[in-house]
């Protein structure tokens, strides 16, 4: 079940992100916290795009070959699970996508 599909208000849906776990899984070096912050900055942009009434043209998929994804998100352990929680549950060879039967993210408050 995705965060976007959760039966709860939007502000509560994202409470299921286990930040302690993410920090623990990504604490290997002294550069870890800035890396986590940078990754969350991009993940937040993905989430905000899902909440917009006029979403960007390519909102349905995240390509792992995208330069921004490679540089700032791919290095975060657990990032794919976070994307899946947002609704990007269909895997394809180079990324994740919303299921074809989903016309739009469930953003109703």
PDB file of N, CA and C in Angstrom:
ATOM      1  N   UNK A   1       0.851  -1.184   0.000  1.00  0.00           N
ATOM      2  CA  UNK A   1       0.000   0.000   0.000  1.00  0.00           C
ATOM      3  C   UNK A   1       0.888   1.236   0.000  1.00  0.00           C
ATOM      4  N   UNK A   2       0.540   2.228  -0.801  1.00  0.00           N
ATOM      5  CA  UNK A   2       1.372   3.413  -0.901  1.00  0.00           C
ATOM      6  C   UNK A   2       0.905   4.497   0.061  1.00  0.00           C
ATOM      7  N   UNK A   3       1.796   5.425   0.352  1.00  0.00           N
ATOM      8  CA  UNK A   3       1.464   6.562   1.209  1.00  0.00           C
ATOM      9  C   UNK A   3       0.365   7.377   0.554  1.00  0.00           C
ATOM     10  N   UNK A   4       0.439   7.532  -0.763  1.00  0.00           N
ATOM     11  CA  UNK A   4      -0.558   8.325  -1.468  1.00  0.00           C
ATOM     12  C   UNK A   4      -1.931   7.677  -1.376  1.00  0.00           C
ATOM     13  N   UNK A   5      -2.004   6.346  -1.316  1.00  0.00           N
ATOM     14  CA  UNK A   5      -3.282   5.643  -1.234  1.00  0.00           C
ATOM     15  C   UNK A   5      -3.772   5.431   0.200  1.00  0.00           C
ATOM     16  N   UNK A   6      -2.994   5.797   1.191  1.00  0.00           N
ATOM     17  CA  UNK A   6      -3.374   5.558   2.586  1.00  0.00           C
ATOM     18  C   UNK A   6      -4.685   6.266   2.916  1.00  0.00           C
ATOM     19  N   UNK A   7      -5.501   5.630   3.717  1.00  0.00           N
ATOM     20  CA  UNK A   7      -6.781   6.194   4.119  1.00  0.00           C
ATOM     21  C   UNK A   7      -6.558   7.136   5.297  1.00  0.00           C
ATOM     22  N   UNK A   8      -5.995   8.308   5.000  1.00  0.00           N
ATOM     23  CA  UNK A   8      -5.680   9.305   6.022  1.00  0.00           C
ATOM     24  C   UNK A   8      -5.473  10.647   5.333  1.00  0.00           C
ATOM     25  N   UNK A   9      -5.582  11.739   6.094  1.00  0.00           N
ATOM     26  CA  UNK A   9      -5.293  13.045   5.508  1.00  0.00           C
ATOM     27  C   UNK A   9      -3.855  13.098   4.990  1.00  0.00           C
ATOM     28  N   UNK A  10      -3.628  13.941   3.980  1.00  0.00           N
ATOM     29  CA  UNK A  10      -2.309  14.028   3.340  1.00  0.00           C
ATOM     30  C   UNK A  10      -1.204  14.267   4.353  1.00  0.00           C
ATOM     31  N   UNK A  11      -1.418  15.165   5.334  1.00  0.00           N
ATOM     32  CA  UNK A  11      -0.351  15.476   6.291  1.00  0.00           C
ATOM     33  C   UNK A  11      -0.009  14.289   7.179  1.00  0.00           C
ATOM     34  N   UNK A  12      -0.936  13.360   7.343  1.00  0.00           N
ATOM     35  CA  UNK A  12      -0.697  12.179   8.169  1.00  0.00           C
ATOM     36  C   UNK A  12      -0.083  11.047   7.344  1.00  0.00           C
ATOM     37  N   UNK A  13      -0.360  11.017   6.061  1.00  0.00           N
ATOM     38  CA  UNK A  13       0.115   9.930   5.197  1.00  0.00           C
ATOM     39  C   UNK A  13       1.630   9.806   5.236  1.00  0.00           C
ATOM     40  N   UNK A  14       2.318  10.923   5.309  1.00  0.00           N
ATOM     41  CA  UNK A  14       3.772  10.880   5.246  1.00  0.00           C
ATOM     42  C   UNK A  14       4.411  10.698   6.623  1.00  0.00           C
ATOM     43  N   UNK A  15       3.597  10.557   7.661  1.00  0.00           N
ATOM     44  CA  UNK A  15       4.132  10.251   8.983  1.00  0.00           C
ATOM     45  C   UNK A  15       4.697   8.839   9.053  1.00  0.00           C
ATOM     46  N   UNK A  16       4.388   8.008   8.086  1.00  0.00           N
ATOM     47  CA  UNK A  16       4.863   6.623   8.138  1.00  0.00           C
ATOM     48  C   UNK A  16       6.323   6.490   7.724  1.00  0.00           C
ATOM     49  N   UNK A  17       6.926   7.577   7.259  1.00  0.00           N
ATOM     50  CA  UNK A  17       8.341   7.531   6.903  1.00  0.00           C
ATOM     51  C   UNK A  17       9.149   7.344   8.188  1.00  0.00           C
ATOM     52  N   UNK A  18       9.913   6.265   8.251  1.00  0.00           N
ATOM     53  CA  UNK A  18      10.699   5.947   9.442  1.00  0.00           C
ATOM     54  C   UNK A  18      12.058   6.636   9.356  1.00  0.00           C
ATOM     55  N   UNK A  19      12.088   7.911   9.735  1.00  0.00           N
ATOM     56  CA  UNK A  19      13.308   8.703   9.610  1.00  0.00           C
ATOM     57  C   UNK A  19      14.442   8.140  10.451  1.00  0.00           C
ATOM     58  N   UNK A  20      14.148   7.634  11.629  1.00  0.00           N
ATOM     59  CA  UNK A  20      15.217   7.043  12.460  1.00  0.00           C
ATOM     60  C   UNK A  20      15.898   5.896  11.738  1.00  0.00           C
ATOM     61  N   UNK A  21      15.104   5.074  11.101  1.00  0.00           N
ATOM     62  CA  UNK A  21      15.641   3.923  10.363  1.00  0.00           C
ATOM     63  C   UNK A  21      16.500   4.403   9.198  1.00  0.00           C
ATOM     64  N   UNK A  22      16.011   5.398   8.477  1.00  0.00           N
ATOM     65  CA  UNK A  22      16.757   5.919   7.336  1.00  0.00           C
ATOM     66  C   UNK A  22      18.094   6.503   7.794  1.00  0.00           C
ATOM     67  N   UNK A  23      18.074   7.266   8.873  1.00  0.00           N
ATOM     68  CA  UNK A  23      19.324   7.827   9.397  1.00  0.00           C
ATOM     69  C   UNK A  23      20.271   6.727   9.845  1.00  0.00           C
ATOM     70  N   UNK A  24      19.746   5.709  10.516  1.00  0.00           N
ATOM     71  CA  UNK A  24      20.585   4.596  10.974  1.00  0.00           C
ATOM     72  C   UNK A  24      21.188   3.840   9.791  1.00  0.00           C
ATOM     73  N   UNK A  25      20.401   3.642   8.740  1.00  0.00           N
ATOM     74  CA  UNK A  25      20.881   2.903   7.572  1.00  0.00           C
ATOM     75  C   UNK A  25      21.891   3.694   6.748  1.00  0.00           C
ATOM     76  N   UNK A  26      21.956   5.000   6.966  1.00  0.00           N
ATOM     77  CA  UNK A  26      22.809   5.862   6.147  1.00  0.00           C
ATOM     78  C   UNK A  26      23.852   6.609   6.955  1.00  0.00           C
ATOM     79  N   UNK A  27      24.284   6.074   8.053  1.00  0.00           N
ATOM     80  CA  UNK A  27      25.221   6.786   8.923  1.00  0.00           C
ATOM     81  C   UNK A  27      26.677   6.353   8.773  1.00  0.00           C
ATOM     82  N   UNK A  28      27.058   5.875   7.638  1.00  0.00           N
ATOM     83  CA  UNK A  28      28.390   5.302   7.441  1.00  0.00           C
ATOM     84  C   UNK A  28      29.536   6.293   7.601  1.00  0.00           C
ATOM     85  N   UNK A  29      29.364   7.542   7.196  1.00  0.00           N
ATOM     86  CA  UNK A  29      30.466   8.496   7.225  1.00  0.00           C
ATOM     87  C   UNK A  29      30.002   9.834   7.786  1.00  0.00           C
ATOM     88  N   UNK A  30      30.955  10.737   7.941  1.00  0.00           N
ATOM     89  CA  UNK A  30      30.609  12.072   8.431  1.00  0.00           C
ATOM     90  C   UNK A  30      29.831  12.870   7.386  1.00  0.00           C
ATOM     91  N   UNK A  31      29.879  12.436   6.131  1.00  0.00           N
ATOM     92  CA  UNK A  31      29.120  13.092   5.062  1.00  0.00           C
ATOM     93  C   UNK A  31      27.686  12.592   4.962  1.00  0.00           C
ATOM     94  N   UNK A  32      27.300  11.667   5.818  1.00  0.00           N
ATOM     95  CA  UNK A  32      26.000  11.023   5.701  1.00  0.00           C
ATOM     96  C   UNK A  32      24.835  11.982   5.891  1.00  0.00           C
ATOM     97  N   UNK A  33      24.879  12.829   6.893  1.00  0.00           N
ATOM     98  CA  UNK A  33      23.743  13.714   7.142  1.00  0.00           C
ATOM     99  C   UNK A  33      23.509  14.676   5.980  1.00  0.00           C
ATOM    100  N   UNK A  34      24.540  15.344   5.449  1.00  0.00           N
ATOM    101  CA  UNK A  34      24.295  16.194   4.276  1.00  0.00           C
ATOM    102  C   UNK A  34      23.736  15.410   3.083  1.00  0.00           C
ATOM    103  N   UNK A  35      24.197  14.156   2.908  1.00  0.00           N
ATOM    104  CA  UNK A  35      23.694  13.325   1.819  1.00  0.00           C
ATOM    105  C   UNK A  35      22.216  13.019   2.022  1.00  0.00           C
ATOM    106  N   UNK A  36      21.824  12.682   3.254  1.00  0.00           N
ATOM    107  CA  UNK A  36      20.423  12.385   3.561  1.00  0.00           C
ATOM    108  C   UNK A  36      19.574  13.633   3.317  1.00  0.00           C
ATOM    109  N   UNK A  37      20.044  14.778   3.759  1.00  0.00           N
ATOM    110  CA  UNK A  37      19.303  16.027   3.569  1.00  0.00           C
ATOM    111  C   UNK A  37      19.137  16.317   2.082  1.00  0.00           C
ATOM    112  N   UNK A  38      20.195  16.140   1.307  1.00  0.00           N
ATOM    113  CA  UNK A  38      20.145  16.379  -0.129  1.00  0.00           C
ATOM    114  C   UNK A  38      19.151  15.432  -0.810  1.00  0.00           C
ATOM    115  N   UNK A  39      19.181  14.166  -0.431  1.00  0.00           N
ATOM    116  CA  UNK A  39      18.254  13.185  -1.008  1.00  0.00           C
ATOM    117  C   UNK A  39      16.812  13.523  -0.647  1.00  0.00           C
ATOM    118  N   UNK A  40      16.577  13.888   0.603  1.00  0.00           N
ATOM    119  CA  UNK A  40      15.220  14.236   1.022  1.00  0.00           C
ATOM    120  C   UNK A  40      14.729  15.501   0.331  1.00  0.00           C
ATOM    121  N   UNK A  41      15.637  16.403   0.001  1.00  0.00           N
ATOM    122  CA  UNK A  41      15.254  17.603  -0.743  1.00  0.00           C
ATOM    123  C   UNK A  41      14.647  17.209  -2.086  1.00  0.00           C
ATOM    124  N   UNK A  42      15.265  16.269  -2.776  1.00  0.00           N
ATOM    125  CA  UNK A  42      14.747  15.820  -4.072  1.00  0.00           C
ATOM    126  C   UNK A  42      13.484  14.979  -3.889  1.00  0.00           C
ATOM    127  N   UNK A  43      13.483  14.090  -2.906  1.00  0.00           N
ATOM    128  CA  UNK A  43      12.284  13.281  -2.653  1.00  0.00           C
ATOM    129  C   UNK A  43      11.084  14.169  -2.318  1.00  0.00           C
ATOM    130  N   UNK A  44      11.334  15.243  -1.584  1.00  0.00           N
ATOM    131  CA  UNK A  44      10.258  16.191  -1.282  1.00  0.00           C
ATOM    132  C   UNK A  44       9.734  16.830  -2.572  1.00  0.00           C
ATOM    133  N   UNK A  45      10.622  17.173  -3.483  1.00  0.00           N
ATOM    134  CA  UNK A  45      10.201  17.749  -4.768  1.00  0.00           C
ATOM    135  C   UNK A  45       9.327  16.757  -5.538  1.00  0.00           C
ATOM    136  N   UNK A  46       9.712  15.480  -5.541  1.00  0.00           N
ATOM    137  CA  UNK A  46       8.879  14.465  -6.186  1.00  0.00           C
ATOM    138  C   UNK A  46       7.490  14.441  -5.549  1.00  0.00           C
ATOM    139  N   UNK A  47       7.443  14.449  -4.215  1.00  0.00           N
ATOM    140  CA  UNK A  47       6.164  14.394  -3.510  1.00  0.00           C
ATOM    141  C   UNK A  47       5.326  15.638  -3.778  1.00  0.00           C
ATOM    142  N   UNK A  48       5.950  16.811  -3.744  1.00  0.00           N
ATOM    143  CA  UNK A  48       5.222  18.055  -4.002  1.00  0.00           C
ATOM    144  C   UNK A  48       4.652  18.040  -5.415  1.00  0.00           C
ATOM    145  N   UNK A  49       5.408  17.523  -6.373  1.00  0.00           N
ATOM    146  CA  UNK A  49       4.890  17.426  -7.741  1.00  0.00           C
ATOM    147  C   UNK A  49       3.650  16.552  -7.816  1.00  0.00           C
ATOM    148  N   UNK A  50       3.590  15.512  -6.993  1.00  0.00           N
ATOM    149  CA  UNK A  50       2.403  14.651  -6.971  1.00  0.00           C
ATOM    150  C   UNK A  50       1.194  15.387  -6.415  1.00  0.00           C
ATOM    151  N   UNK A  51       1.419  16.338  -5.530  1.00  0.00           N
ATOM    152  CA  UNK A  51       0.321  17.063  -4.886  1.00  0.00           C
ATOM    153  C   UNK A  51      -0.197  18.228  -5.722  1.00  0.00           C
ATOM    154  N   UNK A  52       0.536  18.626  -6.739  1.00  0.00           N
ATOM    155  CA  UNK A  52       0.130  19.762  -7.573  1.00  0.00           C
ATOM    156  C   UNK A  52      -1.059  19.383  -8.456  1.00  0.00           C
ATOM    157  N   UNK A  53      -1.995  20.316  -8.635  1.00  0.00           N
ATOM    158  CA  UNK A  53      -3.103  20.020  -9.554  1.00  0.00           C
ATOM    159  C   UNK A  53      -2.626  19.896 -10.999  1.00  0.00           C
ATOM    160  N   UNK A  54      -1.590  20.634 -11.371  1.00  0.00           N
ATOM    161  CA  UNK A  54      -0.994  20.546 -12.708  1.00  0.00           C
ATOM    162  C   UNK A  54       0.399  19.941 -12.576  1.00  0.00           C
ATOM    163  N   UNK A  55       0.428  18.623 -12.505  1.00  0.00           N
ATOM    164  CA  UNK A  55       1.695  17.923 -12.323  1.00  0.00           C
ATOM    165  C   UNK A  55       2.571  18.032 -13.567  1.00  0.00           C
ATOM    166  N   UNK A  56       3.890  17.949 -13.389  1.00  0.00           N
ATOM    167  CA  UNK A  56       4.793  17.960 -14.551  1.00  0.00           C
ATOM    168  C   UNK A  56       4.461  16.808 -15.495  1.00  0.00           C
ATOM    169  N   UNK A  57       4.824  16.961 -16.745  1.00  0.00           N
ATOM    170  CA  UNK A  57       4.485  15.996 -17.788  1.00  0.00           C
ATOM    171  C   UNK A  57       4.900  14.566 -17.428  1.00  0.00           C
ATOM    172  N   UNK A  58       6.052  14.395 -16.814  1.00  0.00           N
ATOM    173  CA  UNK A  58       6.576  13.045 -16.562  1.00  0.00           C
ATOM    174  C   UNK A  58       6.442  12.620 -15.104  1.00  0.00           C
ATOM    175  N   UNK A  59       5.348  13.013 -14.442  1.00  0.00           N
ATOM    176  CA  UNK A  59       5.162  12.704 -13.024  1.00  0.00           C
ATOM    177  C   UNK A  59       5.019  11.212 -12.769  1.00  0.00           C
ATOM    178  N   UNK A  60       4.608  10.452 -13.731  1.00  0.00           N
ATOM    179  CA  UNK A  60       4.270   9.039 -13.522  1.00  0.00           C
ATOM    180  C   UNK A  60       5.470   8.142 -13.268  1.00  0.00           C
ATOM    181  N   UNK A  61       6.682   8.587 -13.617  1.00  0.00           N
ATOM    182  CA  UNK A  61       7.823   7.691 -13.460  1.00  0.00           C
ATOM    183  C   UNK A  61       9.066   8.417 -12.974  1.00  0.00           C
ATOM    184  N   UNK A  62       9.900   7.658 -12.297  1.00  0.00           N
ATOM    185  CA  UNK A  62      11.211   8.116 -11.854  1.00  0.00           C
ATOM    186  C   UNK A  62      12.229   7.220 -12.555  1.00  0.00           C
ATOM    187  N   UNK A  63      13.089   7.826 -13.359  1.00  0.00           N
ATOM    188  CA  UNK A  63      14.126   7.051 -14.055  1.00  0.00           C
ATOM    189  C   UNK A  63      15.405   7.082 -13.234  1.00  0.00           C
ATOM    190  N   UNK A  64      15.945   5.892 -12.983  1.00  0.00           N
ATOM    191  CA  UNK A  64      17.171   5.784 -12.196  1.00  0.00           C
ATOM    192  C   UNK A  64      18.377   6.356 -12.937  1.00  0.00           C
ATOM    193  N   UNK A  65      18.277   6.520 -14.243  1.00  0.00           N
ATOM    194  CA  UNK A  65      19.386   7.086 -15.022  1.00  0.00           C
ATOM    195  C   UNK A  65      19.388   8.616 -15.005  1.00  0.00           C
ATOM    196  N   UNK A  66      18.335   9.222 -14.473  1.00  0.00           N
ATOM    197  CA  UNK A  66      18.265  10.681 -14.384  1.00  0.00           C
ATOM    198  C   UNK A  66      19.443  11.195 -13.559  1.00  0.00           C
ATOM    199  N   UNK A  67      20.104  12.240 -14.055  1.00  0.00           N
ATOM    200  CA  UNK A  67      21.302  12.757 -13.400  1.00  0.00           C
ATOM    201  C   UNK A  67      21.071  13.210 -11.973  1.00  0.00           C
ATOM    202  N   UNK A  68      19.966  13.885 -11.721  1.00  0.00           N
ATOM    203  CA  UNK A  68      19.665  14.353 -10.361  1.00  0.00           C
ATOM    204  C   UNK A  68      19.408  13.157  -9.452  1.00  0.00           C
ATOM    205  N   UNK A  69      18.660  12.176  -9.953  1.00  0.00           N
ATOM    206  CA  UNK A  69      18.414  10.977  -9.155  1.00  0.00           C
ATOM    207  C   UNK A  69      19.737  10.287  -8.832  1.00  0.00           C
ATOM    208  N   UNK A  70      20.581  10.115  -9.834  1.00  0.00           N
ATOM    209  CA  UNK A  70      21.871   9.451  -9.637  1.00  0.00           C
ATOM    210  C   UNK A  70      22.737  10.180  -8.613  1.00  0.00           C
ATOM    211  N   UNK A  71      22.799  11.495  -8.733  1.00  0.00           N
ATOM    212  CA  UNK A  71      23.697  12.285  -7.883  1.00  0.00           C
ATOM    213  C   UNK A  71      23.189  12.454  -6.458  1.00  0.00           C
ATOM    214  N   UNK A  72      21.873  12.518  -6.275  1.00  0.00           N
ATOM    215  CA  UNK A  72      21.377  12.931  -4.967  1.00  0.00           C
ATOM    216  C   UNK A  72      20.446  11.942  -4.273  1.00  0.00           C
ATOM    217  N   UNK A  73      19.826  11.033  -5.009  1.00  0.00           N
ATOM    218  CA  UNK A  73      18.852  10.132  -4.382  1.00  0.00           C
ATOM    219  C   UNK A  73      19.342   8.691  -4.337  1.00  0.00           C
ATOM    220  N   UNK A  74      19.979   8.236  -5.398  1.00  0.00           N
ATOM    221  CA  UNK A  74      20.383   6.823  -5.492  1.00  0.00           C
ATOM    222  C   UNK A  74      21.271   6.386  -4.332  1.00  0.00           C
ATOM    223  N   UNK A  75      22.053   7.304  -3.803  1.00  0.00           N
ATOM    224  CA  UNK A  75      22.980   6.969  -2.720  1.00  0.00           C
ATOM    225  C   UNK A  75      22.277   6.767  -1.366  1.00  0.00           C
ATOM    226  N   UNK A  76      21.029   7.169  -1.257  1.00  0.00           N
ATOM    227  CA  UNK A  76      20.293   7.037   0.004  1.00  0.00           C
ATOM    228  C   UNK A  76      19.728   5.630   0.140  1.00  0.00           C
ATOM    229  N   UNK A  77      20.200   4.895   1.122  1.00  0.00           N
ATOM    230  CA  UNK A  77      19.630   3.562   1.383  1.00  0.00           C
ATOM    231  C   UNK A  77      18.181   3.743   1.815  1.00  0.00           C
ATOM    232  N   UNK A  78      17.297   3.023   1.148  1.00  0.00           N
ATOM    233  CA  UNK A  78      15.877   3.123   1.453  1.00  0.00           C
ATOM    234  C   UNK A  78      15.122   4.073   0.538  1.00  0.00           C
ATOM    235  N   UNK A  79      15.824   4.718  -0.390  1.00  0.00           N
ATOM    236  CA  UNK A  79      15.150   5.688  -1.261  1.00  0.00           C
ATOM    237  C   UNK A  79      14.091   5.032  -2.143  1.00  0.00           C
ATOM    238  N   UNK A  80      14.363   3.852  -2.628  1.00  0.00           N
ATOM    239  CA  UNK A  80      13.368   3.174  -3.478  1.00  0.00           C
ATOM    240  C   UNK A  80      12.128   2.808  -2.676  1.00  0.00           C
ATOM    241  N   UNK A  81      12.305   2.443  -1.422  1.00  0.00           N
ATOM    242  CA  UNK A  81      11.145   2.154  -0.579  1.00  0.00           C
ATOM    243  C   UNK A  81      10.310   3.409  -0.349  1.00  0.00           C
ATOM    244  N   UNK A  82      10.971   4.556  -0.197  1.00  0.00           N
ATOM    245  CA  UNK A  82      10.246   5.813  -0.044  1.00  0.00           C
ATOM    246  C   UNK A  82       9.464   6.146  -1.310  1.00  0.00           C
ATOM    247  N   UNK A  83      10.084   5.931  -2.467  1.00  0.00           N
ATOM    248  CA  UNK A  83       9.378   6.177  -3.726  1.00  0.00           C
ATOM    249  C   UNK A  83       8.181   5.240  -3.867  1.00  0.00           C
ATOM    250  N   UNK A  84       8.357   3.993  -3.470  1.00  0.00           N
ATOM    251  CA  UNK A  84       7.240   3.044  -3.520  1.00  0.00           C
ATOM    252  C   UNK A  84       6.122   3.482  -2.577  1.00  0.00           C
ATOM    253  N   UNK A  85       6.489   4.023  -1.421  1.00  0.00           N
ATOM    254  CA  UNK A  85       5.476   4.515  -0.485  1.00  0.00           C
ATOM    255  C   UNK A  85       4.708   5.701  -1.062  1.00  0.00           C
ATOM    256  N   UNK A  86       5.343   6.455  -1.953  1.00  0.00           N
ATOM    257  CA  UNK A  86       4.664   7.583  -2.609  1.00  0.00           C
ATOM    258  C   UNK A  86       3.717   7.116  -3.713  1.00  0.00           C
ATOM    259  N   UNK A  87       3.841   5.856  -4.109  1.00  0.00           N
ATOM    260  CA  UNK A  87       2.963   5.323  -5.148  1.00  0.00           C
ATOM    261  C   UNK A  87       3.682   4.820  -6.377  1.00  0.00           C
ATOM    262  N   UNK A  88       4.981   4.998  -6.450  1.00  0.00           N
ATOM    263  CA  UNK A  88       5.781   4.514  -7.584  1.00  0.00           C
ATOM    264  C   UNK A  88       6.067   3.027  -7.359  1.00  0.00           C
ATOM    265  N   UNK A  89       5.075   2.193  -7.603  1.00  0.00           N
ATOM    266  CA  UNK A  89       5.170   0.784  -7.224  1.00  0.00           C
ATOM    267  C   UNK A  89       5.483  -0.160  -8.375  1.00  0.00           C
ATOM    268  N   UNK A  90       5.329   0.299  -9.615  1.00  0.00           N
ATOM    269  CA  UNK A  90       5.636  -0.567 -10.754  1.00  0.00           C
ATOM    270  C   UNK A  90       7.110  -0.417 -11.121  1.00  0.00           C
ATOM    271  N   UNK A  91       7.817  -1.532 -11.125  1.00  0.00           N
ATOM    272  CA  UNK A  91       9.232  -1.506 -11.483  1.00  0.00           C
ATOM    273  C   UNK A  91       9.386  -1.715 -12.982  1.00  0.00           C
ATOM    274  N   UNK A  92      10.285  -0.968 -13.579  1.00  0.00           N
ATOM    275  CA  UNK A  92      10.676  -1.204 -14.966  1.00  0.00           C
ATOM    276  C   UNK A  92      12.196  -1.187 -14.989  1.00  0.00           C
ATOM    277  N   UNK A  93      12.827  -1.631 -16.086  1.00  0.00           N
ATOM    278  CA  UNK A  93      14.285  -1.821 -16.068  1.00  0.00           C
ATOM    279  C   UNK A  93      15.102  -0.625 -15.578  1.00  0.00           C
ATOM    280  N   UNK A  94      14.630   0.593 -15.801  1.00  0.00           N
ATOM    281  CA  UNK A  94      15.418   1.753 -15.442  1.00  0.00           C
ATOM    282  C   UNK A  94      14.723   2.659 -14.432  1.00  0.00           C
ATOM    283  N   UNK A  95      13.792   2.116 -13.640  1.00  0.00           N
ATOM    284  CA  UNK A  95      13.148   2.990 -12.674  1.00  0.00           C
ATOM    285  C   UNK A  95      11.883   2.429 -12.064  1.00  0.00           C
ATOM    286  N   UNK A  96      11.087   3.359 -11.542  1.00  0.00           N
ATOM    287  CA  UNK A  96       9.812   3.035 -10.908  1.00  0.00           C
ATOM    288  C   UNK A  96       8.737   3.930 -11.506  1.00  0.00           C
ATOM    289  N   UNK A  97       7.498   3.425 -11.539  1.00  0.00           N
ATOM    290  CA  UNK A  97       6.403   4.195 -12.105  1.00  0.00           C
ATOM    291  C   UNK A  97       5.122   3.961 -11.314  1.00  0.00           C
ATOM    292  N   UNK A  98       4.186   4.882 -11.461  1.00  0.00           N
ATOM    293  CA  UNK A  98       2.849   4.655 -10.944  1.00  0.00           C
ATOM    294  C   UNK A  98       2.214   3.572 -11.806  1.00  0.00           C
ATOM    295  N   UNK A  99       1.360   2.730 -11.221  1.00  0.00           N
ATOM    296  CA  UNK A  99       0.682   1.708 -12.016  1.00  0.00           C
ATOM    297  C   UNK A  99      -0.124   2.354 -13.152  1.00  0.00           C
ATOM    298  N   UNK A 100      -0.224   1.670 -14.286  1.00  0.00           N
ATOM    299  CA  UNK A 100      -0.921   2.215 -15.453  1.00  0.00           C
ATOM    300  C   UNK A 100      -2.386   2.529 -15.165  1.00  0.00           C
ATOM    301  N   UNK A 101      -3.009   1.776 -14.274  1.00  0.00           N
ATOM    302  CA  UNK A 101      -4.435   1.990 -14.003  1.00  0.00           C
ATOM    303  C   UNK A 101      -4.685   3.216 -13.096  1.00  0.00           C
ATOM    304  N   UNK A 102      -3.649   3.825 -12.578  1.00  0.00           N
ATOM    305  CA  UNK A 102      -3.793   4.997 -11.710  1.00  0.00           C
ATOM    306  C   UNK A 102      -3.739   6.247 -12.591  1.00  0.00           C
ATOM    307  N   UNK A 103      -4.863   6.965 -12.661  1.00  0.00           N
ATOM    308  CA  UNK A 103      -4.932   8.172 -13.495  1.00  0.00           C
ATOM    309  C   UNK A 103      -4.228   9.362 -12.856  1.00  0.00           C
ATOM    310  N   UNK A 104      -4.266   9.412 -11.537  1.00  0.00           N
ATOM    311  CA  UNK A 104      -3.650  10.512 -10.810  1.00  0.00           C
ATOM    312  C   UNK A 104      -3.374  10.045  -9.389  1.00  0.00           C
ATOM    313  N   UNK A 105      -2.400  10.645  -8.737  1.00  0.00           N
ATOM    314  CA  UNK A 105      -2.164  10.291  -7.329  1.00  0.00           C
ATOM    315  C   UNK A 105      -3.383  10.675  -6.495  1.00  0.00           C
ATOM    316  N   UNK A 106      -3.641   9.917  -5.471  1.00  0.00           N
ATOM    317  CA  UNK A 106      -4.736  10.241  -4.556  1.00  0.00           C
ATOM    318  C   UNK A 106      -4.245  11.321  -3.600  1.00  0.00           C
ATOM    319  N   UNK A 107      -4.645  12.546  -3.876  1.00  0.00           N
ATOM    320  CA  UNK A 107      -4.201  13.678  -3.064  1.00  0.00           C
ATOM    321  C   UNK A 107      -5.351  14.349  -2.338  1.00  0.00           C
ATOM    322  N   UNK A 108      -6.522  13.724  -2.338  1.00  0.00           N
ATOM    323  CA  UNK A 108      -7.676  14.318  -1.664  1.00  0.00           C
ATOM    324  C   UNK A 108      -7.437  14.411  -0.177  1.00  0.00           C
ATOM    325  N   UNK A 109      -7.768  15.566   0.386  1.00  0.00           N
ATOM    326  CA  UNK A 109      -7.583  15.787   1.820  1.00  0.00           C
ATOM    327  C   UNK A 109      -8.884  15.512   2.525  1.00  0.00           C
TER     328      UNK A 109
END
